[in-house]
PDB file of N, CA and C in Angstrom:
ATOM      1  N   MET A   1      81.551  89.535 108.668  1.00  0.00           N
ATOM      2  CA  MET A   1      82.283  88.767 107.692  1.00  0.00           C
ATOM      3  C   MET A   1      82.807  89.655 106.562  1.00  0.00           C
ATOM      4  N   ALA A   2      82.202  90.818 106.411  1.00  0.00           N
ATOM      5  CA  ALA A   2      82.710  91.757 105.407  1.00  0.00           C
ATOM      6  C   ALA A   2      84.134  92.169 105.757  1.00  0.00           C
ATOM      7  N   ALA A   3      84.397  92.374 107.048  1.00  0.00           N
ATOM      8  CA  ALA A   3      85.757  92.737 107.477  1.00  0.00           C
ATOM      9  C   ALA A   3      86.732  91.591 107.197  1.00  0.00           C
ATOM     10  N   ALA A   4      86.296  90.377 107.396  1.00  0.00           N
ATOM     11  CA  ALA A   4      87.145  89.219 107.117  1.00  0.00           C
ATOM     12  C   ALA A   4      87.445  89.126 105.621  1.00  0.00           C
ATOM     13  N   ALA A   5      86.440  89.333 104.792  1.00  0.00           N
ATOM     14  CA  ALA A   5      86.637  89.284 103.343  1.00  0.00           C
ATOM     15  C   ALA A   5      87.580  90.396 102.892  1.00  0.00           C
ATOM     16  N   ARG A   6      87.430  91.581 103.460  1.00  0.00           N
ATOM     17  CA  ARG A   6      88.338  92.695 103.114  1.00  0.00           C
ATOM     18  C   ARG A   6      89.766  92.388 103.538  1.00  0.00           C
ATOM     19  N   ALA A   7      89.937  91.798 104.717  1.00  0.00           N
ATOM     20  CA  ALA A   7      91.272  91.464 105.213  1.00  0.00           C
ATOM     21  C   ALA A   7      91.936  90.420 104.325  1.00  0.00           C
ATOM     22  N   ILE A   8      91.181  89.441 103.868  1.00  0.00           N
ATOM     23  CA  ILE A   8      91.727  88.416 102.974  1.00  0.00           C
ATOM     24  C   ILE A   8      92.161  89.057 101.663  1.00  0.00           C
ATOM     25  N   ALA A   9      91.321  89.905 101.109  1.00  0.00           N
ATOM     26  CA  ALA A   9      91.649  90.571  99.842  1.00  0.00           C
ATOM     27  C   ALA A   9      92.847  91.508 100.003  1.00  0.00           C
ATOM     28  N   ALA A  10      92.869  92.276 101.082  1.00  0.00           N
ATOM     29  CA  ALA A  10      93.960  93.231 101.304  1.00  0.00           C
ATOM     30  C   ALA A  10      95.304  92.519 101.471  1.00  0.00           C
ATOM     31  N   GLY A  11      95.271  91.338 102.052  1.00  0.00           N
ATOM     32  CA  GLY A  11      96.500  90.576 102.255  1.00  0.00           C
ATOM     33  C   GLY A  11      96.826  89.656 101.103  1.00  0.00           C
ATOM     34  N   ALA A  12      96.104  89.781 100.005  1.00  0.00           N
ATOM     35  CA  ALA A  12      96.308  88.948  98.812  1.00  0.00           C
ATOM     36  C   ALA A  12      96.316  87.463  99.153  1.00  0.00           C
ATOM     37  N   GLY A  13      95.498  87.088 100.126  1.00  0.00           N
ATOM     38  CA  GLY A  13      95.356  85.678 100.470  1.00  0.00           C
ATOM     39  C   GLY A  13      96.483  85.096 101.284  1.00  0.00           C
ATOM     40  N   ALA A  14      97.430  85.932 101.723  1.00  0.00           N
ATOM     41  CA  ALA A  14      98.611  85.414 102.420  1.00  0.00           C
ATOM     42  C   ALA A  14      98.432  85.325 103.933  1.00  0.00           C
ATOM     43  N   ARG A  15      97.427  85.946 104.448  1.00  0.00           N
ATOM     44  CA  ARG A  15      97.245  85.988 105.895  1.00  0.00           C
ATOM     45  C   ARG A  15      96.732  84.653 106.418  1.00  0.00           C
ATOM     46  N   PRO A  16      97.365  84.103 107.458  1.00  0.00           N
ATOM     47  CA  PRO A  16      96.900  82.824 108.018  1.00  0.00           C
ATOM     48  C   PRO A  16      95.491  82.956 108.591  1.00  0.00           C
ATOM     49  N   LEU A  17      94.694  81.940 108.380  1.00  0.00           N
ATOM     50  CA  LEU A  17      93.311  81.930 108.856  1.00  0.00           C
ATOM     51  C   LEU A  17      93.268  82.057 110.376  1.00  0.00           C
ATOM     52  N   ARG A  18      94.206  81.421 111.059  1.00  0.00           N
ATOM     53  CA  ARG A  18      94.245  81.483 112.527  1.00  0.00           C
ATOM     54  C   ARG A  18      94.413  82.933 113.004  1.00  0.00           C
ATOM     55  N   ALA A  19      95.280  83.696 112.347  1.00  0.00           N
ATOM     56  CA  ALA A  19      95.502  85.099 112.728  1.00  0.00           C
ATOM     57  C   ALA A  19      94.237  85.925 112.507  1.00  0.00           C
ATOM     58  N   LEU A  20      93.562  85.679 111.405  1.00  0.00           N
ATOM     59  CA  LEU A  20      92.325  86.401 111.113  1.00  0.00           C
ATOM     60  C   LEU A  20      91.246  86.057 112.136  1.00  0.00           C
ATOM     61  N   ALA A  21      91.115  84.783 112.457  1.00  0.00           N
ATOM     62  CA  ALA A  21      90.127  84.347 113.444  1.00  0.00           C
ATOM     63  C   ALA A  21      90.415  84.980 114.802  1.00  0.00           C
ATOM     64  N   ASP A  22      91.694  84.983 115.199  1.00  0.00           N
ATOM     65  CA  ASP A  22      92.066  85.593 116.480  1.00  0.00           C
ATOM     66  C   ASP A  22      91.711  87.073 116.505  1.00  0.00           C
ATOM     67  N   GLU A  23      92.003  87.773 115.417  1.00  0.00           N
ATOM     68  CA  GLU A  23      91.708  89.203 115.351  1.00  0.00           C
ATOM     69  C   GLU A  23      90.215  89.480 115.482  1.00  0.00           C
ATOM     70  N   LEU A  24      89.405  88.589 114.936  1.00  0.00           N
ATOM     71  CA  LEU A  24      87.951  88.762 114.980  1.00  0.00           C
ATOM     72  C   LEU A  24      87.322  88.180 116.245  1.00  0.00           C
ATOM     73  N   GLY A  25      88.144  87.556 117.099  1.00  0.00           N
ATOM     74  CA  GLY A  25      87.637  86.972 118.327  1.00  0.00           C
ATOM     75  C   GLY A  25      86.819  85.714 118.114  1.00  0.00           C
ATOM     76  N   LEU A  26      87.174  84.968 117.069  1.00  0.00           N
ATOM     77  CA  LEU A  26      86.461  83.735 116.730  1.00  0.00           C
ATOM     78  C   LEU A  26      87.433  82.573 116.676  1.00  0.00           C
ATOM     79  N   GLY A  27      86.894  81.374 116.815  1.00  0.00           N
ATOM     80  CA  GLY A  27      87.682  80.189 116.529  1.00  0.00           C
ATOM     81  C   GLY A  27      87.760  79.996 115.023  1.00  0.00           C
ATOM     82  N   GLU A  28      88.751  79.248 114.571  1.00  0.00           N
ATOM     83  CA  GLU A  28      88.894  79.031 113.121  1.00  0.00           C
ATOM     84  C   GLU A  28      87.661  78.380 112.521  1.00  0.00           C
ATOM     85  N   ARG A  29      87.159  77.375 113.188  1.00  0.00           N
ATOM     86  CA  ARG A  29      85.990  76.652 112.654  1.00  0.00           C
ATOM     87  C   ARG A  29      84.781  77.582 112.548  1.00  0.00           C
ATOM     88  N   ARG A  30      84.576  78.405 113.569  1.00  0.00           N
ATOM     89  CA  ARG A  30      83.432  79.313 113.545  1.00  0.00           C
ATOM     90  C   ARG A  30      83.590  80.353 112.433  1.00  0.00           C
ATOM     91  N   LEU A  31      84.818  80.849 112.261  1.00  0.00           N
ATOM     92  CA  LEU A  31      85.079  81.780 111.166  1.00  0.00           C
ATOM     93  C   LEU A  31      84.746  81.123 109.829  1.00  0.00           C
ATOM     94  N   GLN A  32      85.158  79.874 109.655  1.00  0.00           N
ATOM     95  CA  GLN A  32      84.869  79.163 108.406  1.00  0.00           C
ATOM     96  C   GLN A  32      83.363  79.043 108.187  1.00  0.00           C
ATOM     97  N   GLN A  33      82.628  78.699 109.231  1.00  0.00           N
ATOM     98  CA  GLN A  33      81.175  78.547 109.122  1.00  0.00           C
ATOM     99  C   GLN A  33      80.501  79.866 108.766  1.00  0.00           C
ATOM    100  N   LEU A  34      80.838  80.904 109.497  1.00  0.00           N
ATOM    101  CA  LEU A  34      80.215  82.214 109.251  1.00  0.00           C
ATOM    102  C   LEU A  34      80.601  82.772 107.887  1.00  0.00           C
ATOM    103  N   PHE A  35      81.861  82.600 107.516  1.00  0.00           N
ATOM    104  CA  PHE A  35      82.326  83.118 106.231  1.00  0.00           C
ATOM    105  C   PHE A  35      81.562  82.443 105.092  1.00  0.00           C
ATOM    106  N   ARG A  36      81.465  81.125 105.157  1.00  0.00           N
ATOM    107  CA  ARG A  36      80.738  80.397 104.111  1.00  0.00           C
ATOM    108  C   ARG A  36      79.275  80.819 104.067  1.00  0.00           C
ATOM    109  N   GLU A  37      78.675  80.998 105.222  1.00  0.00           N
ATOM    110  CA  GLU A  37      77.264  81.391 105.303  1.00  0.00           C
ATOM    111  C   GLU A  37      77.030  82.790 104.709  1.00  0.00           C
ATOM    112  N   HIS A  38      77.918  83.727 104.998  1.00  0.00           N
ATOM    113  CA  HIS A  38      77.710  85.119 104.594  1.00  0.00           C
ATOM    114  C   HIS A  38      78.342  85.489 103.255  1.00  0.00           C
ATOM    115  N   VAL A  39      79.433  84.821 102.910  1.00  0.00           N
ATOM    116  CA  VAL A  39      80.149  85.166 101.671  1.00  0.00           C
ATOM    117  C   VAL A  39      79.835  84.179 100.555  1.00  0.00           C
ATOM    118  N   GLY A  40      79.557  82.934 100.920  1.00  0.00           N
ATOM    119  CA  GLY A  40      79.197  81.944  99.915  1.00  0.00           C
ATOM    120  C   GLY A  40      80.332  81.029  99.497  1.00  0.00           C
ATOM    121  N   LEU A  41      81.492  81.207 100.085  1.00  0.00           N
ATOM    122  CA  LEU A  41      82.617  80.308  99.834  1.00  0.00           C
ATOM    123  C   LEU A  41      83.480  80.271 101.076  1.00  0.00           C
ATOM    124  N   SER A  42      84.409  79.348 101.109  1.00  0.00           N
ATOM    125  CA  SER A  42      85.259  79.210 102.289  1.00  0.00           C
ATOM    126  C   SER A  42      86.331  80.297 102.320  1.00  0.00           C
ATOM    127  N   PRO A  43      86.856  80.598 103.504  1.00  0.00           N
ATOM    128  CA  PRO A  43      87.938  81.574 103.575  1.00  0.00           C
ATOM    129  C   PRO A  43      89.157  81.129 102.759  1.00  0.00           C
ATOM    130  N   ARG A  44      89.418  79.845 102.718  1.00  0.00           N
ATOM    131  CA  ARG A  44      90.560  79.329 101.951  1.00  0.00           C
ATOM    132  C   ARG A  44      90.363  79.580 100.450  1.00  0.00           C
ATOM    133  N   THR A  45      89.157  79.367  99.964  1.00  0.00           N
ATOM    134  CA  THR A  45      88.868  79.643  98.553  1.00  0.00           C
ATOM    135  C   THR A  45      88.982  81.136  98.272  1.00  0.00           C
ATOM    136  N   ALA A  46      88.487  81.950  99.191  1.00  0.00           N
ATOM    137  CA  ALA A  46      88.613  83.398  99.028  1.00  0.00           C
ATOM    138  C   ALA A  46      90.080  83.805  98.988  1.00  0.00           C
ATOM    139  N   ALA A  47      90.908  83.174  99.811  1.00  0.00           N
ATOM    140  CA  ALA A  47      92.346  83.470  99.824  1.00  0.00           C
ATOM    141  C   ALA A  47      93.006  83.048  98.510  1.00  0.00           C
ATOM    142  N   ARG A  48      92.616  81.893  97.992  1.00  0.00           N
ATOM    143  CA  ARG A  48      93.163  81.443  96.694  1.00  0.00           C
ATOM    144  C   ARG A  48      92.820  82.444  95.593  1.00  0.00           C
ATOM    145  N   LEU A  49      91.582  82.920  95.598  1.00  0.00           N
ATOM    146  CA  LEU A  49      91.158  83.885  94.583  1.00  0.00           C
ATOM    147  C   LEU A  49      91.871  85.231  94.755  1.00  0.00           C
ATOM    148  N   ALA A  50      92.060  85.665  95.998  1.00  0.00           N
ATOM    149  CA  ALA A  50      92.766  86.927  96.253  1.00  0.00           C
ATOM    150  C   ALA A  50      94.215  86.836  95.789  1.00  0.00           C
ATOM    151  N   ARG A  51      94.838  85.698  96.031  1.00  0.00           N
ATOM    152  CA  ARG A  51      96.226  85.498  95.591  1.00  0.00           C
ATOM    153  C   ARG A  51      96.303  85.520  94.066  1.00  0.00           C
ATOM    154  N   LEU A  52      95.344  84.877  93.407  1.00  0.00           N
ATOM    155  CA  LEU A  52      95.312  84.877  91.944  1.00  0.00           C
ATOM    156  C   LEU A  52      95.079  86.289  91.410  1.00  0.00           C
ATOM    157  N   GLN A  53      94.190  87.043  92.029  1.00  0.00           N
ATOM    158  CA  GLN A  53      93.935  88.416  91.582  1.00  0.00           C
ATOM    159  C   GLN A  53      95.193  89.274  91.704  1.00  0.00           C
ATOM    160  N   ALA A  54      95.949  89.102  92.787  1.00  0.00           N
ATOM    161  CA  ALA A  54      97.204  89.847  92.946  1.00  0.00           C
ATOM    162  C   ALA A  54      98.193  89.464  91.849  1.00  0.00           C
ATOM    163  N   LEU A  55      98.238  88.189  91.522  1.00  0.00           N
ATOM    164  CA  LEU A  55      99.119  87.720  90.445  1.00  0.00           C
ATOM    165  C   LEU A  55      98.698  88.323  89.105  1.00  0.00           C
ATOM    166  N   LEU A  56      97.410  88.338  88.831  1.00  0.00           N
ATOM    167  CA  LEU A  56      96.913  88.909  87.573  1.00  0.00           C
ATOM    168  C   LEU A  56      97.223  90.406  87.472  1.00  0.00           C
ATOM    169  N   ARG A  57      97.123  91.115  88.590  1.00  0.00           N
ATOM    170  CA  ARG A  57      97.502  92.540  88.586  1.00  0.00           C
ATOM    171  C   ARG A  57      98.982  92.686  88.252  1.00  0.00           C
ATOM    172  N   ALA A  58      99.815  91.818  88.806  1.00  0.00           N
ATOM    173  CA  ALA A  58     101.259  91.876  88.534  1.00  0.00           C
ATOM    174  C   ALA A  58     101.552  91.592  87.057  1.00  0.00           C
ATOM    175  N   LEU A  59     100.759  90.729  86.443  1.00  0.00           N
ATOM    176  CA  LEU A  59     100.963  90.404  85.027  1.00  0.00           C
ATOM    177  C   LEU A  59     100.599  91.565  84.114  1.00  0.00           C
ATOM    178  N   ARG A  60      99.778  92.497  84.599  1.00  0.00           N
ATOM    179  CA  ARG A  60      99.389  93.651  83.784  1.00  0.00           C
ATOM    180  C   ARG A  60     100.443  94.757  83.789  1.00  0.00           C
ATOM    181  N   ARG A  61     101.461  94.616  84.615  1.00  0.00           N
ATOM    182  CA  ARG A  61     102.514  95.628  84.658  1.00  0.00           C
ATOM    183  C   ARG A  61     103.265  95.626  83.326  1.00  0.00           C
ATOM    184  N   PRO A  62     103.859  96.763  82.978  1.00  0.00           N
ATOM    185  CA  PRO A  62     104.574  96.854  81.695  1.00  0.00           C
ATOM    186  C   PRO A  62     105.663  95.788  81.525  1.00  0.00           C
ATOM    187  N   GLN A  63     106.414  95.505  82.567  1.00  0.00           N
ATOM    188  CA  GLN A  63     107.475  94.495  82.511  1.00  0.00           C
ATOM    189  C   GLN A  63     107.273  93.485  83.648  1.00  0.00           C
ATOM    190  N   PRO A  64     106.325  92.550  83.500  1.00  0.00           N
ATOM    191  CA  PRO A  64     106.097  91.601  84.593  1.00  0.00           C
ATOM    192  C   PRO A  64     107.314  90.707  84.803  1.00  0.00           C
ATOM    193  N   LEU A  65     107.451  90.244  86.027  1.00  0.00           N
ATOM    194  CA  LEU A  65     108.529  89.324  86.373  1.00  0.00           C
ATOM    195  C   LEU A  65     108.320  87.989  85.669  1.00  0.00           C
ATOM    196  N   PRO A  66     109.376  87.195  85.524  1.00  0.00           N
ATOM    197  CA  PRO A  66     109.209  85.826  85.000  1.00  0.00           C
ATOM    198  C   PRO A  66     108.360  84.996  85.975  1.00  0.00           C
ATOM    199  N   TRP A  67     107.709  83.975  85.459  1.00  0.00           N
ATOM    200  CA  TRP A  67     106.827  83.127  86.274  1.00  0.00           C
ATOM    201  C   TRP A  67     107.539  82.601  87.512  1.00  0.00           C
ATOM    202  N   ALA A  68     108.793  82.186  87.357  1.00  0.00           N
ATOM    203  CA  ALA A  68     109.535  81.613  88.482  1.00  0.00           C
ATOM    204  C   ALA A  68     109.724  82.630  89.604  1.00  0.00           C
ATOM    205  N   GLU A  69     109.758  83.908  89.284  1.00  0.00           N
ATOM    206  CA  GLU A  69     109.878  84.951  90.304  1.00  0.00           C
ATOM    207  C   GLU A  69     108.504  85.397  90.810  1.00  0.00           C
ATOM    208  N   LEU A  70     107.514  85.344  89.938  1.00  0.00           N
ATOM    209  CA  LEU A  70     106.160  85.713  90.350  1.00  0.00           C
ATOM    210  C   LEU A  70     105.617  84.748  91.403  1.00  0.00           C
ATOM    211  N   ALA A  71     105.948  83.472  91.261  1.00  0.00           N
ATOM    212  CA  ALA A  71     105.398  82.458  92.167  1.00  0.00           C
ATOM    213  C   ALA A  71     105.672  82.785  93.637  1.00  0.00           C
ATOM    214  N   PRO A  72     106.932  82.849  94.067  1.00  0.00           N
ATOM    215  CA  PRO A  72     107.156  83.124  95.493  1.00  0.00           C
ATOM    216  C   PRO A  72     106.746  84.537  95.904  1.00  0.00           C
ATOM    217  N   ALA A  73     106.802  85.473  94.979  1.00  0.00           N
ATOM    218  CA  ALA A  73     106.416  86.852  95.292  1.00  0.00           C
ATOM    219  C   ALA A  73     104.920  86.977  95.586  1.00  0.00           C
ATOM    220  N   HIS A  74     104.135  85.983  95.147  1.00  0.00           N
ATOM    221  CA  HIS A  74     102.682  86.039  95.352  1.00  0.00           C
ATOM    222  C   HIS A  74     102.155  84.885  96.200  1.00  0.00           C
ATOM    223  N   GLY A  75     103.037  84.288  96.988  1.00  0.00           N
ATOM    224  CA  GLY A  75     102.597  83.300  97.966  1.00  0.00           C
ATOM    225  C   GLY A  75     102.492  81.872  97.482  1.00  0.00           C
ATOM    226  N   TYR A  76     103.019  81.582  96.311  1.00  0.00           N
ATOM    227  CA  TYR A  76     103.023  80.207  95.824  1.00  0.00           C
ATOM    228  C   TYR A  76     104.339  79.562  96.232  1.00  0.00           C
ATOM    229  N   TYR A  77     104.280  78.294  96.576  1.00  0.00           N
ATOM    230  CA  TYR A  77     105.471  77.587  97.040  1.00  0.00           C
ATOM    231  C   TYR A  77     106.558  77.583  95.975  1.00  0.00           C
ATOM    232  N   ASP A  78     106.152  77.323  94.737  1.00  0.00           N
ATOM    233  CA  ASP A  78     107.087  77.320  93.612  1.00  0.00           C
ATOM    234  C   ASP A  78     106.298  77.498  92.318  1.00  0.00           C
ATOM    235  N   GLN A  79     106.995  77.459  91.196  1.00  0.00           N
ATOM    236  CA  GLN A  79     106.345  77.687  89.908  1.00  0.00           C
ATOM    237  C   GLN A  79     105.315  76.596  89.605  1.00  0.00           C
ATOM    238  N   ALA A  80     105.580  75.367  90.003  1.00  0.00           N
ATOM    239  CA  ALA A  80     104.627  74.276  89.765  1.00  0.00           C
ATOM    240  C   ALA A  80     103.336  74.509  90.552  1.00  0.00           C
ATOM    241  N   HIS A  81     103.457  74.984  91.781  1.00  0.00           N
ATOM    242  CA  HIS A  81     102.281  75.297  92.591  1.00  0.00           C
ATOM    243  C   HIS A  81     101.461  76.398  91.920  1.00  0.00           C
ATOM    244  N   LEU A  82     102.139  77.435  91.439  1.00  0.00           N
ATOM    245  CA  LEU A  82     101.456  78.510  90.715  1.00  0.00           C
ATOM    246  C   LEU A  82     100.730  77.949  89.498  1.00  0.00           C
ATOM    247  N   ALA A  83     101.416  77.124  88.717  1.00  0.00           N
ATOM    248  CA  ALA A  83     100.812  76.570  87.498  1.00  0.00           C
ATOM    249  C   ALA A  83      99.586  75.720  87.816  1.00  0.00           C
ATOM    250  N   ASN A  84      99.657  74.902  88.852  1.00  0.00           N
ATOM    251  CA  ASN A  84      98.513  74.056  89.231  1.00  0.00           C
ATOM    252  C   ASN A  84      97.320  74.890  89.703  1.00  0.00           C
ATOM    253  N   GLU A  85      97.589  75.896  90.542  1.00  0.00           N
ATOM    254  CA  GLU A  85      96.512  76.775  91.012  1.00  0.00           C
ATOM    255  C   GLU A  85      95.915  77.566  89.843  1.00  0.00           C
ATOM    256  N   PHE A  86      96.768  78.053  88.970  1.00  0.00           N
ATOM    257  CA  PHE A  86      96.314  78.837  87.823  1.00  0.00           C
ATOM    258  C   PHE A  86      95.380  78.003  86.957  1.00  0.00           C
ATOM    259  N   ARG A  87      95.789  76.774  86.657  1.00  0.00           N
ATOM    260  CA  ARG A  87      94.966  75.870  85.846  1.00  0.00           C
ATOM    261  C   ARG A  87      93.637  75.572  86.538  1.00  0.00           C
ATOM    262  N   ALA A  88      93.703  75.331  87.848  1.00  0.00           N
ATOM    263  CA  ALA A  88      92.492  74.992  88.601  1.00  0.00           C
ATOM    264  C   ALA A  88      91.498  76.153  88.629  1.00  0.00           C
ATOM    265  N   LEU A  89      91.999  77.374  88.746  1.00  0.00           N
ATOM    266  CA  LEU A  89      91.116  78.526  88.899  1.00  0.00           C
ATOM    267  C   LEU A  89      90.768  79.218  87.581  1.00  0.00           C
ATOM    268  N   CYS A  90      91.653  79.126  86.599  1.00  0.00           N
ATOM    269  CA  CYS A  90      91.425  79.835  85.326  1.00  0.00           C
ATOM    270  C   CYS A  90      91.048  78.905  84.176  1.00  0.00           C
ATOM    271  N   GLY A  91      91.322  77.623  84.337  1.00  0.00           N
ATOM    272  CA  GLY A  91      90.972  76.684  83.283  1.00  0.00           C
ATOM    273  C   GLY A  91      91.977  76.611  82.150  1.00  0.00           C
ATOM    274  N   LEU A  92      93.112  77.271  82.291  1.00  0.00           N
ATOM    275  CA  LEU A  92      94.166  77.170  81.290  1.00  0.00           C
ATOM    276  C   LEU A  92      95.508  77.362  81.976  1.00  0.00           C
ATOM    277  N   SER A  93      96.550  76.967  81.317  1.00  0.00           N
ATOM    278  CA  SER A  93      97.886  77.061  81.897  1.00  0.00           C
ATOM    279  C   SER A  93      98.369  78.509  81.879  1.00  0.00           C
ATOM    280  N   PRO A  94      99.337  78.846  82.713  1.00  0.00           N
ATOM    281  CA  PRO A  94      99.897  80.195  82.667  1.00  0.00           C
ATOM    282  C   PRO A  94     100.480  80.533  81.293  1.00  0.00           C
ATOM    283  N   GLY A  95     101.097  79.565  80.653  1.00  0.00           N
ATOM    284  CA  GLY A  95     101.653  79.797  79.319  1.00  0.00           C
ATOM    285  C   GLY A  95     100.582  80.123  78.300  1.00  0.00           C
ATOM    286  N   ALA A  96      99.468  79.390  78.348  1.00  0.00           N
ATOM    287  CA  ALA A  96      98.357  79.667  77.433  1.00  0.00           C
ATOM    288  C   ALA A  96      97.773  81.044  77.724  1.00  0.00           C
ATOM    289  N   PHE A  97      97.694  81.379  79.002  1.00  0.00           N
ATOM    290  CA  PHE A  97      97.187  82.695  79.380  1.00  0.00           C
ATOM    291  C   PHE A  97      98.111  83.798  78.873  1.00  0.00           C
ATOM    292  N   ALA A  98      99.413  83.606  79.049  1.00  0.00           N
ATOM    293  CA  ALA A  98     100.393  84.605  78.618  1.00  0.00           C
ATOM    294  C   ALA A  98     100.342  84.807  77.108  1.00  0.00           C
ATOM    295  N   GLY A  99      99.954  83.767  76.372  1.00  0.00           N
ATOM    296  CA  GLY A  99      99.851  83.872  74.927  1.00  0.00           C
ATOM    297  C   GLY A  99      98.682  84.719  74.474  1.00  0.00           C
ATOM    298  N   ARG A 100      97.763  84.954  75.368  1.00  0.00           N
ATOM    299  CA  ARG A 100      96.603  85.788  75.058  1.00  0.00           C
ATOM    300  C   ARG A 100      96.890  87.218  75.490  1.00  0.00           C
ATOM    301  N   SER A 101      96.175  88.124  74.939  1.00  0.00           N
ATOM    302  CA  SER A 101      96.320  89.529  75.311  1.00  0.00           C
ATOM    303  C   SER A 101      95.690  89.749  76.671  1.00  0.00           C
ATOM    304  N   VAL A 102      96.424  90.375  77.597  1.00  0.00           N
ATOM    305  CA  VAL A 102      95.894  90.707  78.914  1.00  0.00           C
ATOM    306  C   VAL A 102      95.409  92.144  78.854  1.00  0.00           C
ATOM    307  N   SER A 103      94.124  92.311  79.010  1.00  0.00           N
ATOM    308  CA  SER A 103      93.525  93.645  78.912  1.00  0.00           C
ATOM    309  C   SER A 103      93.901  94.509  80.103  1.00  0.00           C
ATOM    310  N   ARG A 104      94.321  95.723  79.846  1.00  0.00           N
ATOM    311  CA  ARG A 104      94.623  96.669  80.913  1.00  0.00           C
ATOM    312  C   ARG A 104      93.336  97.264  81.488  1.00  0.00           C
ATOM    313  N   SER A 105      92.212  97.013  80.828  1.00  0.00           N
ATOM    314  CA  SER A 105      90.943  97.537  81.337  1.00  0.00           C
ATOM    315  C   SER A 105      90.168  96.451  82.075  1.00  0.00           C
ATOM    316  N   SER A 106      90.850  95.402  82.511  1.00  0.00           N
ATOM    317  CA  SER A 106      90.209  94.323  83.235  1.00  0.00           C
ATOM    318  C   SER A 106      89.489  94.848  84.472  1.00  0.00           C
ATOM    319  N   LYS A 107      88.469  94.132  84.881  1.00  0.00           N
ATOM    320  CA  LYS A 107      87.720  94.520  86.073  1.00  0.00           C
ATOM    321  C   LYS A 107      88.465  94.168  87.355  1.00  0.00           C
ATOM    322  N   THR A 108      89.619  93.486  87.240  1.00  0.00           N
ATOM    323  CA  THR A 108      90.415  93.158  88.410  1.00  0.00           C
ATOM    324  C   THR A 108      90.975  94.465  88.978  1.00  0.00           C
ATOM    325  N   ALA A 109      90.681  94.729  90.230  1.00  0.00           N
ATOM    326  CA  ALA A 109      91.123  95.997  90.840  1.00  0.00           C
ATOM    327  C   ALA A 109      92.625  96.150  90.727  1.00  0.00           C
ATOM    328  N   GLY A 110      93.084  97.312  90.332  1.00  0.00           N
ATOM    329  CA  GLY A 110      94.493  97.566  90.125  1.00  0.00           C
ATOM    330  C   GLY A 110      95.125  98.137  91.314  1.00  0.00           C
TER     331      GLY A 110
END
């Protein structure tokens, strides 16, 4: 499951679960069961977090793209989808987050 977690992180959460399961020689359901057992969360949740981490890395760039461009570039359907996921995972809106200082020394891998 470590390989599955690395693949999800490396793909910034964009890789379909079916493709990952096929690569590992597992069914999707079995991958979900094993992943939850060994990692502690579902592959879908891990993918959501990986996508958010990629977005946060992009926001640390000197000239980040506007939100409307960041959304599709990081696997969100549109800006509203990005905003809803951001609120759900971070507890604040993207605008509120942008109003705060984003530390360049964050523990989020660069």
